PDB file of N, CA and C in Angstrom:
ATOM      1  N   MET A   1     -18.593  10.683 -50.965  1.00  0.00           N
ATOM      2  CA  MET A   1     -18.445   9.968 -49.712  1.00  0.00           C
ATOM      3  C   MET A   1     -18.826  10.867 -48.543  1.00  0.00           C
ATOM      4  N   PHE A   2     -18.415  12.118 -48.522  1.00  0.00           N
ATOM      5  CA  PHE A   2     -18.683  12.979 -47.385  1.00  0.00           C
ATOM      6  C   PHE A   2     -20.110  13.494 -47.360  1.00  0.00           C
ATOM      7  N   GLU A   3     -20.829  13.397 -48.499  1.00  0.00           N
ATOM      8  CA  GLU A   3     -22.210  13.842 -48.483  1.00  0.00           C
ATOM      9  C   GLU A   3     -23.102  12.887 -47.699  1.00  0.00           C
ATOM     10  N   THR A   4     -22.590  11.748 -47.305  1.00  0.00           N
ATOM     11  CA  THR A   4     -23.389  10.784 -46.559  1.00  0.00           C
ATOM     12  C   THR A   4     -23.409  11.068 -45.066  1.00  0.00           C
ATOM     13  N   ILE A   5     -22.656  12.085 -44.604  1.00  0.00           N
ATOM     14  CA  ILE A   5     -22.673  12.443 -43.188  1.00  0.00           C
ATOM     15  C   ILE A   5     -23.858  13.364 -42.935  1.00  0.00           C
ATOM     16  N   THR A   6     -24.678  13.031 -41.972  1.00  0.00           N
ATOM     17  CA  THR A   6     -25.812  13.883 -41.606  1.00  0.00           C
ATOM     18  C   THR A   6     -25.749  14.173 -40.123  1.00  0.00           C
ATOM     19  N   ILE A   7     -26.363  15.257 -39.725  1.00  0.00           N
ATOM     20  CA  ILE A   7     -26.385  15.636 -38.318  1.00  0.00           C
ATOM     21  C   ILE A   7     -27.823  15.556 -37.822  1.00  0.00           C
ATOM     22  N   ARG A   8     -28.017  14.775 -36.766  1.00  0.00           N
ATOM     23  CA  ARG A   8     -29.335  14.642 -36.139  1.00  0.00           C
ATOM     24  C   ARG A   8     -29.162  14.863 -34.651  1.00  0.00           C
ATOM     25  N   ASN A   9     -29.899  15.820 -34.114  1.00  0.00           N
ATOM     26  CA  ASN A   9     -29.862  16.138 -32.687  1.00  0.00           C
ATOM     27  C   ASN A   9     -28.438  16.422 -32.204  1.00  0.00           C
ATOM     28  N   GLY A  10     -27.632  17.068 -33.038  1.00  0.00           N
ATOM     29  CA  GLY A  10     -26.284  17.440 -32.640  1.00  0.00           C
ATOM     30  C   GLY A  10     -25.270  16.316 -32.689  1.00  0.00           C
ATOM     31  N   VAL A  11     -25.649  15.158 -33.160  1.00  0.00           N
ATOM     32  CA  VAL A  11     -24.739  14.010 -33.210  1.00  0.00           C
ATOM     33  C   VAL A  11     -24.461  13.672 -34.668  1.00  0.00           C
ATOM     34  N   VAL A  12     -23.202  13.506 -34.983  1.00  0.00           N
ATOM     35  CA  VAL A  12     -22.830  13.157 -36.355  1.00  0.00           C
ATOM     36  C   VAL A  12     -23.064  11.664 -36.545  1.00  0.00           C
ATOM     37  N   LEU A  13     -23.850  11.339 -37.540  1.00  0.00           N
ATOM     38  CA  LEU A  13     -24.135   9.934 -37.831  1.00  0.00           C
ATOM     39  C   LEU A  13     -23.476   9.546 -39.146  1.00  0.00           C
ATOM     40  N   LEU A  14     -22.839   8.426 -39.147  1.00  0.00           N
ATOM     41  CA  LEU A  14     -22.237   7.909 -40.371  1.00  0.00           C
ATOM     42  C   LEU A  14     -23.212   6.937 -41.007  1.00  0.00           C
ATOM     43  N   LEU A  15     -23.509   7.162 -42.252  1.00  0.00           N
ATOM     44  CA  LEU A  15     -24.450   6.288 -42.939  1.00  0.00           C
ATOM     45  C   LEU A  15     -23.724   5.113 -43.580  1.00  0.00           C
ATOM     46  N   ILE A  16     -24.488   4.239 -44.158  1.00  0.00           N
ATOM     47  CA  ILE A  16     -23.960   2.984 -44.683  1.00  0.00           C
ATOM     48  C   ILE A  16     -22.924   3.216 -45.774  1.00  0.00           C
ATOM     49  N   ARG A  17     -23.108   4.211 -46.621  1.00  0.00           N
ATOM     50  CA  ARG A  17     -22.156   4.434 -47.710  1.00  0.00           C
ATOM     51  C   ARG A  17     -20.776   4.815 -47.182  1.00  0.00           C
ATOM     52  N   LEU A  18     -20.739   5.623 -46.146  1.00  0.00           N
ATOM     53  CA  LEU A  18     -19.452   6.007 -45.573  1.00  0.00           C
ATOM     54  C   LEU A  18     -18.769   4.808 -44.921  1.00  0.00           C
ATOM     55  N   ARG A  19     -19.564   4.006 -44.230  1.00  0.00           N
ATOM     56  CA  ARG A  19     -18.999   2.809 -43.600  1.00  0.00           C
ATOM     57  C   ARG A  19     -18.482   1.832 -44.650  1.00  0.00           C
ATOM     58  N   ALA A  20     -19.227   1.674 -45.742  1.00  0.00           N
ATOM     59  CA  ALA A  20     -18.794   0.766 -46.805  1.00  0.00           C
ATOM     60  C   ALA A  20     -17.513   1.273 -47.461  1.00  0.00           C
ATOM     61  N   ALA A  21     -17.430   2.584 -47.676  1.00  0.00           N
ATOM     62  CA  ALA A  21     -16.214   3.149 -48.270  1.00  0.00           C
ATOM     63  C   ALA A  21     -15.024   2.950 -47.337  1.00  0.00           C
ATOM     64  N   HIS A  22     -15.241   3.111 -46.049  1.00  0.00           N
ATOM     65  CA  HIS A  22     -14.171   2.901 -45.070  1.00  0.00           C
ATOM     66  C   HIS A  22     -13.738   1.443 -45.062  1.00  0.00           C
ATOM     67  N   LEU A  23     -14.710   0.537 -45.123  1.00  0.00           N
ATOM     68  CA  LEU A  23     -14.399  -0.892 -45.135  1.00  0.00           C
ATOM     69  C   LEU A  23     -13.559  -1.246 -46.355  1.00  0.00           C
ATOM     70  N   ASP A  24     -13.940  -0.709 -47.509  1.00  0.00           N
ATOM     71  CA  ASP A  24     -13.202  -1.018 -48.736  1.00  0.00           C
ATOM     72  C   ASP A  24     -11.785  -0.475 -48.703  1.00  0.00           C
ATOM     73  N   THR A  25     -11.613   0.740 -48.191  1.00  0.00           N
ATOM     74  CA  THR A  25     -10.293   1.364 -48.269  1.00  0.00           C
ATOM     75  C   THR A  25      -9.347   0.915 -47.168  1.00  0.00           C
ATOM     76  N   VAL A  26      -9.848   0.684 -45.975  1.00  0.00           N
ATOM     77  CA  VAL A  26      -8.964   0.407 -44.841  1.00  0.00           C
ATOM     78  C   VAL A  26      -8.950  -1.066 -44.464  1.00  0.00           C
ATOM     79  N   ASN A  27     -10.096  -1.597 -44.129  1.00  0.00           N
ATOM     80  CA  ASN A  27     -10.141  -2.949 -43.573  1.00  0.00           C
ATOM     81  C   ASN A  27      -9.715  -4.016 -44.573  1.00  0.00           C
ATOM     82  N   HIS A  28     -10.183  -3.932 -45.807  1.00  0.00           N
ATOM     83  CA  HIS A  28      -9.810  -4.956 -46.781  1.00  0.00           C
ATOM     84  C   HIS A  28      -8.315  -4.931 -47.062  1.00  0.00           C
ATOM     85  N   THR A  29      -7.739  -3.730 -47.115  1.00  0.00           N
ATOM     86  CA  THR A  29      -6.296  -3.628 -47.336  1.00  0.00           C
ATOM     87  C   THR A  29      -5.526  -4.250 -46.179  1.00  0.00           C
ATOM     88  N   ALA A  30      -5.955  -3.942 -44.955  1.00  0.00           N
ATOM     89  CA  ALA A  30      -5.278  -4.498 -43.780  1.00  0.00           C
ATOM     90  C   ALA A  30      -5.419  -6.010 -43.734  1.00  0.00           C
ATOM     91  N   LEU A  31      -6.602  -6.519 -44.029  1.00  0.00           N
ATOM     92  CA  LEU A  31      -6.806  -7.966 -44.019  1.00  0.00           C
ATOM     93  C   LEU A  31      -5.991  -8.645 -45.113  1.00  0.00           C
ATOM     94  N   LYS A  32      -5.880  -8.001 -46.259  1.00  0.00           N
ATOM     95  CA  LYS A  32      -5.119  -8.572 -47.367  1.00  0.00           C
ATOM     96  C   LYS A  32      -3.656  -8.757 -46.982  1.00  0.00           C
ATOM     97  N   TYR A  33      -3.063  -7.718 -46.398  1.00  0.00           N
ATOM     98  CA  TYR A  33      -1.652  -7.811 -46.043  1.00  0.00           C
ATOM     99  C   TYR A  33      -1.427  -8.622 -44.776  1.00  0.00           C
ATOM    100  N   ALA A  34      -2.390  -8.652 -43.873  1.00  0.00           N
ATOM    101  CA  ALA A  34      -2.232  -9.423 -42.643  1.00  0.00           C
ATOM    102  C   ALA A  34      -2.320 -10.918 -42.905  1.00  0.00           C
ATOM    103  N   SER A  35      -3.032 -11.304 -43.952  1.00  0.00           N
ATOM    104  CA  SER A  35      -3.209 -12.727 -44.215  1.00  0.00           C
ATOM    105  C   SER A  35      -2.026 -13.334 -44.959  1.00  0.00           C
ATOM    106  N   GLU A  36      -1.149 -12.490 -45.493  1.00  0.00           N
ATOM    107  CA  GLU A  36       0.023 -13.021 -46.178  1.00  0.00           C
ATOM    108  C   GLU A  36       1.014 -13.574 -45.161  1.00  0.00           C
ATOM    109  N   THR A  37       1.765 -14.553 -45.586  1.00  0.00           N
ATOM    110  CA  THR A  37       2.797 -15.106 -44.704  1.00  0.00           C
ATOM    111  C   THR A  37       4.160 -14.769 -45.271  1.00  0.00           C
ATOM    112  N   TRP A  38       5.066 -14.442 -44.388  1.00  0.00           N
ATOM    113  CA  TRP A  38       6.427 -14.134 -44.782  1.00  0.00           C
ATOM    114  C   TRP A  38       7.344 -15.172 -44.157  1.00  0.00           C
ATOM    115  N   THR A  39       8.379 -15.526 -44.896  1.00  0.00           N
ATOM    116  CA  THR A  39       9.367 -16.434 -44.335  1.00  0.00           C
ATOM    117  C   THR A  39      10.372 -15.611 -43.542  1.00  0.00           C
ATOM    118  N   LEU A  40      10.657 -16.057 -42.345  1.00  0.00           N
ATOM    119  CA  LEU A  40      11.596 -15.352 -41.479  1.00  0.00           C
ATOM    120  C   LEU A  40      12.900 -16.131 -41.385  1.00  0.00           C
ATOM    121  N   ARG A  41      13.993 -15.412 -41.476  1.00  0.00           N
ATOM    122  CA  ARG A  41      15.281 -16.031 -41.237  1.00  0.00           C
ATOM    123  C   ARG A  41      15.452 -16.207 -39.731  1.00  0.00           C
ATOM    124  N   LYS A  42      16.393 -17.043 -39.326  1.00  0.00           N
ATOM    125  CA  LYS A  42      16.657 -17.256 -37.900  1.00  0.00           C
ATOM    126  C   LYS A  42      17.003 -15.944 -37.210  1.00  0.00           C
ATOM    127  N   GLN A  43      17.743 -15.095 -37.885  1.00  0.00           N
ATOM    128  CA  GLN A  43      18.125 -13.803 -37.328  1.00  0.00           C
ATOM    129  C   GLN A  43      16.883 -12.947 -37.068  1.00  0.00           C
ATOM    130  N   ASP A  44      15.937 -12.961 -38.017  1.00  0.00           N
ATOM    131  CA  ASP A  44      14.706 -12.195 -37.848  1.00  0.00           C
ATOM    132  C   ASP A  44      13.834 -12.786 -36.746  1.00  0.00           C
ATOM    133  N   GLU A  45      13.786 -14.131 -36.671  1.00  0.00           N
ATOM    134  CA  GLU A  45      13.010 -14.776 -35.614  1.00  0.00           C
ATOM    135  C   GLU A  45      13.543 -14.383 -34.242  1.00  0.00           C
ATOM    136  N   HIS A  46      14.864 -14.328 -34.116  1.00  0.00           N
ATOM    137  CA  HIS A  46      15.468 -13.945 -32.842  1.00  0.00           C
ATOM    138  C   HIS A  46      15.103 -12.505 -32.489  1.00  0.00           C
ATOM    139  N   ALA A  47      15.150 -11.614 -33.467  1.00  0.00           N
ATOM    140  CA  ALA A  47      14.806 -10.209 -33.218  1.00  0.00           C
ATOM    141  C   ALA A  47      13.353 -10.080 -32.763  1.00  0.00           C
ATOM    142  N   VAL A  48      12.460 -10.835 -33.392  1.00  0.00           N
ATOM    143  CA  VAL A  48      11.047 -10.796 -33.007  1.00  0.00           C
ATOM    144  C   VAL A  48      10.865 -11.346 -31.599  1.00  0.00           C
ATOM    145  N   SER A  49      11.556 -12.440 -31.262  1.00  0.00           N
ATOM    146  CA  SER A  49      11.399 -13.016 -29.925  1.00  0.00           C
ATOM    147  C   SER A  49      11.963 -12.096 -28.848  1.00  0.00           C
ATOM    148  N   VAL A  50      13.037 -11.362 -29.156  1.00  0.00           N
ATOM    149  CA  VAL A  50      13.591 -10.403 -28.193  1.00  0.00           C
ATOM    150  C   VAL A  50      12.587  -9.289 -27.930  1.00  0.00           C
ATOM    151  N   ILE A  51      11.967  -8.793 -28.985  1.00  0.00           N
ATOM    152  CA  ILE A  51      10.964  -7.732 -28.833  1.00  0.00           C
ATOM    153  C   ILE A  51       9.767  -8.242 -28.047  1.00  0.00           C
ATOM    154  N   GLN A  52       9.302  -9.463 -28.343  1.00  0.00           N
ATOM    155  CA  GLN A  52       8.176 -10.026 -27.605  1.00  0.00           C
ATOM    156  C   GLN A  52       8.514 -10.168 -26.127  1.00  0.00           C
ATOM    157  N   GLY A  53       9.735 -10.607 -25.820  1.00  0.00           N
ATOM    158  CA  GLY A  53      10.153 -10.728 -24.423  1.00  0.00           C
ATOM    159  C   GLY A  53      10.196  -9.386 -23.724  1.00  0.00           C
ATOM    160  N   ALA A  54      10.674  -8.357 -24.429  1.00  0.00           N
ATOM    161  CA  ALA A  54      10.727  -7.018 -23.839  1.00  0.00           C
ATOM    162  C   ALA A  54       9.331  -6.487 -23.558  1.00  0.00           C
ATOM    163  N   VAL A  55       8.397  -6.736 -24.479  1.00  0.00           N
ATOM    164  CA  VAL A  55       7.014  -6.292 -24.267  1.00  0.00           C
ATOM    165  C   VAL A  55       6.400  -7.035 -23.091  1.00  0.00           C
ATOM    166  N   GLU A  56       6.639  -8.347 -23.010  1.00  0.00           N
ATOM    167  CA  GLU A  56       6.108  -9.133 -21.896  1.00  0.00           C
ATOM    168  C   GLU A  56       6.679  -8.652 -20.563  1.00  0.00           C
ATOM    169  N   ASN A  57       7.984  -8.413 -20.518  1.00  0.00           N
ATOM    170  CA  ASN A  57       8.598  -7.917 -19.283  1.00  0.00           C
ATOM    171  C   ASN A  57       8.028  -6.570 -18.888  1.00  0.00           C
ATOM    172  N   ARG A  58       7.800  -5.712 -19.852  1.00  0.00           N
ATOM    173  CA  ARG A  58       7.241  -4.386 -19.561  1.00  0.00           C
ATOM    174  C   ARG A  58       5.829  -4.518 -18.993  1.00  0.00           C
ATOM    175  N   ARG A  59       5.025  -5.409 -19.572  1.00  0.00           N
ATOM    176  CA  ARG A  59       3.655  -5.601 -19.086  1.00  0.00           C
ATOM    177  C   ARG A  59       3.641  -6.182 -17.681  1.00  0.00           C
ATOM    178  N   LEU A  60       4.593  -7.068 -17.378  1.00  0.00           N
ATOM    179  CA  LEU A  60       4.643  -7.689 -16.058  1.00  0.00           C
ATOM    180  C   LEU A  60       5.345  -6.813 -15.030  1.00  0.00           C
ATOM    181  N   GLY A  61       5.983  -5.746 -15.465  1.00  0.00           N
ATOM    182  CA  GLY A  61       6.673  -4.854 -14.549  1.00  0.00           C
ATOM    183  C   GLY A  61       8.037  -5.357 -14.122  1.00  0.00           C
ATOM    184  N   ILE A  62       8.646  -6.207 -14.938  1.00  0.00           N
ATOM    185  CA  ILE A  62       9.957  -6.751 -14.606  1.00  0.00           C
ATOM    186  C   ILE A  62      11.019  -5.759 -15.069  1.00  0.00           C
ATOM    187  N   THR A  63      11.896  -5.358 -14.161  1.00  0.00           N
ATOM    188  CA  THR A  63      12.937  -4.395 -14.495  1.00  0.00           C
ATOM    189  C   THR A  63      14.172  -5.100 -15.020  1.00  0.00           C
ATOM    190  N   LEU A  64      15.089  -4.331 -15.567  1.00  0.00           N
ATOM    191  CA  LEU A  64      16.344  -4.894 -16.050  1.00  0.00           C
ATOM    192  C   LEU A  64      17.138  -5.489 -14.894  1.00  0.00           C
ATOM    193  N   TYR A  65      17.044  -4.875 -13.720  1.00  0.00           N
ATOM    194  CA  TYR A  65      17.720  -5.414 -12.539  1.00  0.00           C
ATOM    195  C   TYR A  65      17.205  -6.817 -12.223  1.00  0.00           C
ATOM    196  N   THR A  66      15.904  -7.004 -12.296  1.00  0.00           N
ATOM    197  CA  THR A  66      15.313  -8.311 -12.019  1.00  0.00           C
ATOM    198  C   THR A  66      15.822  -9.339 -13.013  1.00  0.00           C
ATOM    199  N   VAL A  67      15.942  -8.946 -14.267  1.00  0.00           N
ATOM    200  CA  VAL A  67      16.438  -9.864 -15.288  1.00  0.00           C
ATOM    201  C   VAL A  67      17.898 -10.206 -15.014  1.00  0.00           C
ATOM    202  N   GLN A  68      18.684  -9.234 -14.568  1.00  0.00           N
ATOM    203  CA  GLN A  68      20.095  -9.478 -14.292  1.00  0.00           C
ATOM    204  C   GLN A  68      20.287 -10.413 -13.112  1.00  0.00           C
ATOM    205  N   VAL A  69      19.366 -10.416 -12.164  1.00  0.00           N
ATOM    206  CA  VAL A  69      19.443 -11.325 -11.026  1.00  0.00           C
ATOM    207  C   VAL A  69      18.992 -12.721 -11.452  1.00  0.00           C
ATOM    208  N   ARG A  70      18.524 -12.825 -12.681  1.00  0.00           N
ATOM    209  CA  ARG A  70      18.091 -14.083 -13.287  1.00  0.00           C
ATOM    210  C   ARG A  70      16.814 -14.641 -12.673  1.00  0.00           C
ATOM    211  N   ALA A  71      15.910 -13.769 -12.290  1.00  0.00           N
ATOM    212  CA  ALA A  71      14.595 -14.222 -11.848  1.00  0.00           C
ATOM    213  C   ALA A  71      13.779 -14.506 -13.096  1.00  0.00           C
ATOM    214  N   ARG A  72      13.262 -15.699 -13.213  1.00  0.00           N
ATOM    215  CA  ARG A  72      12.526 -16.077 -14.408  1.00  0.00           C
ATOM    216  C   ARG A  72      11.132 -15.465 -14.399  1.00  0.00           C
ATOM    217  N   SER A  73      10.660 -15.064 -15.569  1.00  0.00           N
ATOM    218  CA  SER A  73       9.331 -14.467 -15.657  1.00  0.00           C
ATOM    219  C   SER A  73       8.248 -15.492 -15.341  1.00  0.00           C
ATOM    220  N   SER A  74       8.537 -16.799 -15.513  1.00  0.00           N
ATOM    221  CA  SER A  74       7.536 -17.815 -15.187  1.00  0.00           C
ATOM    222  C   SER A  74       7.244 -17.828 -13.689  1.00  0.00           C
ATOM    223  N   GLU A  75       8.230 -17.470 -12.862  1.00  0.00           N
ATOM    224  CA  GLU A  75       7.983 -17.395 -11.423  1.00  0.00           C
ATOM    225  C   GLU A  75       6.959 -16.318 -11.111  1.00  0.00           C
ATOM    226  N   PHE A  76       7.027 -15.208 -11.838  1.00  0.00           N
ATOM    227  CA  PHE A  76       6.083 -14.130 -11.605  1.00  0.00           C
ATOM    228  C   PHE A  76       4.683 -14.523 -12.058  1.00  0.00           C
ATOM    229  N   ARG A  77       4.610 -15.171 -13.223  1.00  0.00           N
ATOM    230  CA  ARG A  77       3.297 -15.539 -13.749  1.00  0.00           C
ATOM    231  C   ARG A  77       2.630 -16.591 -12.880  1.00  0.00           C
ATOM    232  N   GLN A  78       3.410 -17.532 -12.326  1.00  0.00           N
ATOM    233  CA  GLN A  78       2.841 -18.600 -11.516  1.00  0.00           C
ATOM    234  C   GLN A  78       2.655 -18.186 -10.072  1.00  0.00           C
ATOM    235  N   GLY A  79       3.135 -17.019  -9.700  1.00  0.00           N
ATOM    236  CA  GLY A  79       2.934 -16.514  -8.350  1.00  0.00           C
ATOM    237  C   GLY A  79       3.789 -17.200  -7.308  1.00  0.00           C
ATOM    238  N   LYS A  80       4.944 -17.740  -7.689  1.00  0.00           N
ATOM    239  CA  LYS A  80       5.824 -18.366  -6.708  1.00  0.00           C
ATOM    240  C   LYS A  80       6.380 -17.298  -5.793  1.00  0.00           C
ATOM    241  N   GLY A  81       6.418 -17.573  -4.521  1.00  0.00           N
ATOM    242  CA  GLY A  81       6.884 -16.577  -3.564  1.00  0.00           C
ATOM    243  C   GLY A  81       8.391 -16.467  -3.562  1.00  0.00           C
ATOM    244  N   SER A  82       8.923 -15.503  -4.238  1.00  0.00           N
ATOM    245  CA  SER A  82      10.356 -15.249  -4.203  1.00  0.00           C
ATOM    246  C   SER A  82      10.584 -13.842  -3.701  1.00  0.00           C
ATOM    247  N   ALA A  83      11.812 -13.539  -3.361  1.00  0.00           N
ATOM    248  CA  ALA A  83      12.137 -12.206  -2.857  1.00  0.00           C
ATOM    249  C   ALA A  83      11.920 -11.145  -3.921  1.00  0.00           C
ATOM    250  N   MET A  84      11.907 -11.524  -5.185  1.00  0.00           N
ATOM    251  CA  MET A  84      11.764 -10.562  -6.266  1.00  0.00           C
ATOM    252  C   MET A  84      10.342 -10.532  -6.820  1.00  0.00           C
ATOM    253  N   SER A  85       9.374 -11.052  -6.080  1.00  0.00           N
ATOM    254  CA  SER A  85       8.021 -11.138  -6.616  1.00  0.00           C
ATOM    255  C   SER A  85       7.413  -9.757  -6.794  1.00  0.00           C
ATOM    256  N   LEU A  86       6.482  -9.683  -7.737  1.00  0.00           N
ATOM    257  CA  LEU A  86       5.821  -8.417  -8.031  1.00  0.00           C
ATOM    258  C   LEU A  86       4.698  -8.167  -7.042  1.00  0.00           C
ATOM    259  N   LEU A  87       4.433  -6.921  -6.784  1.00  0.00           N
ATOM    260  CA  LEU A  87       3.346  -6.554  -5.892  1.00  0.00           C
ATOM    261  C   LEU A  87       2.072  -6.382  -6.689  1.00  0.00           C
ATOM    262  N   THR A  88       0.996  -6.922  -6.175  1.00  0.00           N
ATOM    263  CA  THR A  88      -0.309  -6.675  -6.763  1.00  0.00           C
ATOM    264  C   THR A  88      -0.917  -5.471  -6.063  1.00  0.00           C
ATOM    265  N   PRO A  89      -1.950  -4.855  -6.641  1.00  0.00           N
ATOM    266  CA  PRO A  89      -2.578  -3.720  -5.952  1.00  0.00           C
ATOM    267  C   PRO A  89      -3.070  -4.072  -4.556  1.00  0.00           C
ATOM    268  N   ARG A  90      -3.511  -5.300  -4.349  1.00  0.00           N
ATOM    269  CA  ARG A  90      -3.974  -5.709  -3.024  1.00  0.00           C
ATOM    270  C   ARG A  90      -2.812  -5.737  -2.032  1.00  0.00           C
ATOM    271  N   ASP A  91      -1.626  -6.199  -2.481  1.00  0.00           N
ATOM    272  CA  ASP A  91      -0.454  -6.221  -1.607  1.00  0.00           C
ATOM    273  C   ASP A  91      -0.008  -4.814  -1.238  1.00  0.00           C
ATOM    274  N   ARG A  92      -0.135  -3.883  -2.177  1.00  0.00           N
ATOM    275  CA  ARG A  92       0.280  -2.511  -1.899  1.00  0.00           C
ATOM    276  C   ARG A  92      -0.600  -1.872  -0.833  1.00  0.00           C
ATOM    277  N   GLN A  93      -1.850  -2.321  -0.709  1.00  0.00           N
ATOM    278  CA  GLN A  93      -2.767  -1.742   0.260  1.00  0.00           C
ATOM    279  C   GLN A  93      -2.733  -2.470   1.595  1.00  0.00           C
ATOM    280  N   SER A  94      -2.005  -3.572   1.683  1.00  0.00           N
ATOM    281  CA  SER A  94      -1.995  -4.350   2.918  1.00  0.00           C
ATOM    282  C   SER A  94      -1.114  -3.686   3.969  1.00  0.00           C
ATOM    283  N   ASP A  95      -1.197  -4.178   5.187  1.00  0.00           N
ATOM    284  CA  ASP A  95      -0.427  -3.608   6.291  1.00  0.00           C
ATOM    285  C   ASP A  95       1.058  -3.892   6.152  1.00  0.00           C
ATOM    286  N   GLY A  96       1.412  -5.105   5.740  1.00  0.00           N
ATOM    287  CA  GLY A  96       2.818  -5.471   5.611  1.00  0.00           C
ATOM    288  C   GLY A  96       3.330  -5.121   4.227  1.00  0.00           C
ATOM    289  N   LEU A  97       4.259  -4.207   4.149  1.00  0.00           N
ATOM    290  CA  LEU A  97       4.812  -3.787   2.872  1.00  0.00           C
ATOM    291  C   LEU A  97       5.940  -4.731   2.481  1.00  0.00           C
ATOM    292  N   VAL A  98       5.893  -5.228   1.259  1.00  0.00           N
ATOM    293  CA  VAL A  98       6.930  -6.118   0.759  1.00  0.00           C
ATOM    294  C   VAL A  98       7.543  -5.446  -0.456  1.00  0.00           C
ATOM    295  N   MET A  99       8.822  -5.161  -0.391  1.00  0.00           N
ATOM    296  CA  MET A  99       9.494  -4.558  -1.530  1.00  0.00           C
ATOM    297  C   MET A  99      10.952  -4.975  -1.541  1.00  0.00           C
ATOM    298  N   THR A 100      11.558  -4.927  -2.711  1.00  0.00           N
ATOM    299  CA  THR A 100      12.953  -5.323  -2.827  1.00  0.00           C
ATOM    300  C   THR A 100      13.843  -4.099  -2.714  1.00  0.00           C
ATOM    301  N   VAL A 101      14.960  -4.280  -2.025  1.00  0.00           N
ATOM    302  CA  VAL A 101      15.939  -3.212  -1.878  1.00  0.00           C
ATOM    303  C   VAL A 101      17.307  -3.831  -2.075  1.00  0.00           C
ATOM    304  N   GLY A 102      17.873  -3.700  -3.242  1.00  0.00           N
ATOM    305  CA  GLY A 102      19.190  -4.260  -3.503  1.00  0.00           C
ATOM    306  C   GLY A 102      19.128  -5.752  -3.762  1.00  0.00           C
ATOM    307  N   PRO A 103      20.301  -6.352  -3.994  1.00  0.00           N
ATOM    308  CA  PRO A 103      20.327  -7.770  -4.343  1.00  0.00           C
ATOM    309  C   PRO A 103      19.905  -8.660  -3.178  1.00  0.00           C
ATOM    310  N   ARG A 104      18.881  -9.429  -3.422  1.00  0.00           N
ATOM    311  CA  ARG A 104      18.386 -10.457  -2.496  1.00  0.00           C
ATOM    312  C   ARG A 104      18.088  -9.920  -1.100  1.00  0.00           C
ATOM    313  N   ARG A 105      17.614  -8.711  -1.000  1.00  0.00           N
ATOM    314  CA  ARG A 105      17.254  -8.139   0.290  1.00  0.00           C
ATOM    315  C   ARG A 105      15.761  -7.849   0.290  1.00  0.00           C
ATOM    316  N   LEU A 106      15.089  -8.198   1.345  1.00  0.00           N
ATOM    317  CA  LEU A 106      13.636  -8.089   1.389  1.00  0.00           C
ATOM    318  C   LEU A 106      13.211  -7.292   2.607  1.00  0.00           C
ATOM    319  N   LEU A 107      12.338  -6.341   2.399  1.00  0.00           N
ATOM    320  CA  LEU A 107      11.756  -5.605   3.518  1.00  0.00           C
ATOM    321  C   LEU A 107      10.407  -6.229   3.835  1.00  0.00           C
ATOM    322  N   ASP A 108      10.250  -6.715   5.067  1.00  0.00           N
ATOM    323  CA  ASP A 108       9.001  -7.340   5.469  1.00  0.00           C
ATOM    324  C   ASP A 108       8.099  -6.386   6.232  1.00  0.00           C
ATOM    325  N   GLU A 109       8.660  -5.434   6.889  1.00  0.00           N
ATOM    326  CA  GLU A 109       7.894  -4.537   7.741  1.00  0.00           C
ATOM    327  C   GLU A 109       7.821  -3.153   7.114  1.00  0.00           C
ATOM    328  N   PRO A 110       6.746  -2.416   7.382  1.00  0.00           N
ATOM    329  CA  PRO A 110       6.636  -1.069   6.825  1.00  0.00           C
ATOM    330  C   PRO A 110       7.739  -0.138   7.298  1.00  0.00           C
ATOM    331  N   LEU A 111       8.305  -0.371   8.493  1.00  0.00           N
ATOM    332  CA  LEU A 111       9.327   0.521   9.021  1.00  0.00           C
ATOM    333  C   LEU A 111      10.729   0.139   8.583  1.00  0.00           C
ATOM    334  N   GLY A 112      10.879  -0.946   7.839  1.00  0.00           N
ATOM    335  CA  GLY A 112      12.169  -1.250   7.241  1.00  0.00           C
ATOM    336  C   GLY A 112      13.008  -2.273   7.972  1.00  0.00           C
ATOM    337  N   MET A 113      12.424  -3.168   8.751  1.00  0.00           N
ATOM    338  CA  MET A 113      13.207  -4.235   9.362  1.00  0.00           C
ATOM    339  C   MET A 113      13.480  -5.254   8.269  1.00  0.00           C
ATOM    340  N   SER A 114      14.744  -5.426   7.917  1.00  0.00           N
ATOM    341  CA  SER A 114      15.074  -6.253   6.756  1.00  0.00           C
ATOM    342  C   SER A 114      15.549  -7.631   7.179  1.00  0.00           C
ATOM    343  N   ASN A 115      15.338  -8.579   6.298  1.00  0.00           N
ATOM    344  CA  ASN A 115      15.812  -9.950   6.467  1.00  0.00           C
ATOM    345  C   ASN A 115      16.721 -10.267   5.298  1.00  0.00           C
ATOM    346  N   GLU A 116      17.887 -10.796   5.577  1.00  0.00           N
ATOM    347  CA  GLU A 116      18.777 -11.198   4.500  1.00  0.00           C
ATOM    348  C   GLU A 116      18.282 -12.517   3.933  1.00  0.00           C
ATOM    349  N   ARG A 117      18.285 -12.623   2.637  1.00  0.00           N
ATOM    350  CA  ARG A 117      17.850 -13.852   1.972  1.00  0.00           C
ATOM    351  C   ARG A 117      19.005 -14.457   1.248  1.00  0.00           C
TER     352      ARG A 117
END
């Protein structure tokens, strides 16, 4: 398998035999096990859904504090204007800084003039 590696102009090239050996050993095994279906108990389904929710919250930048205030993640995805909304890179570069400070408190001005919500 390793005799199929050749060097041309300082670049290592993988030939067809090496690629075929890799396909047989790695990809077919992964496809074989990925195509199987497993039955999940309700307890396992709940564990998977909790993990999926945690990954989604992490990707959206939702903190545990936001979850405790009961702000729904659908509000963030749909872009509804709430006091707990996420900042986009464009908002961070704008003149008016919007950030949350404590429960239901919103800073509208860069210098910190706050409005109670």
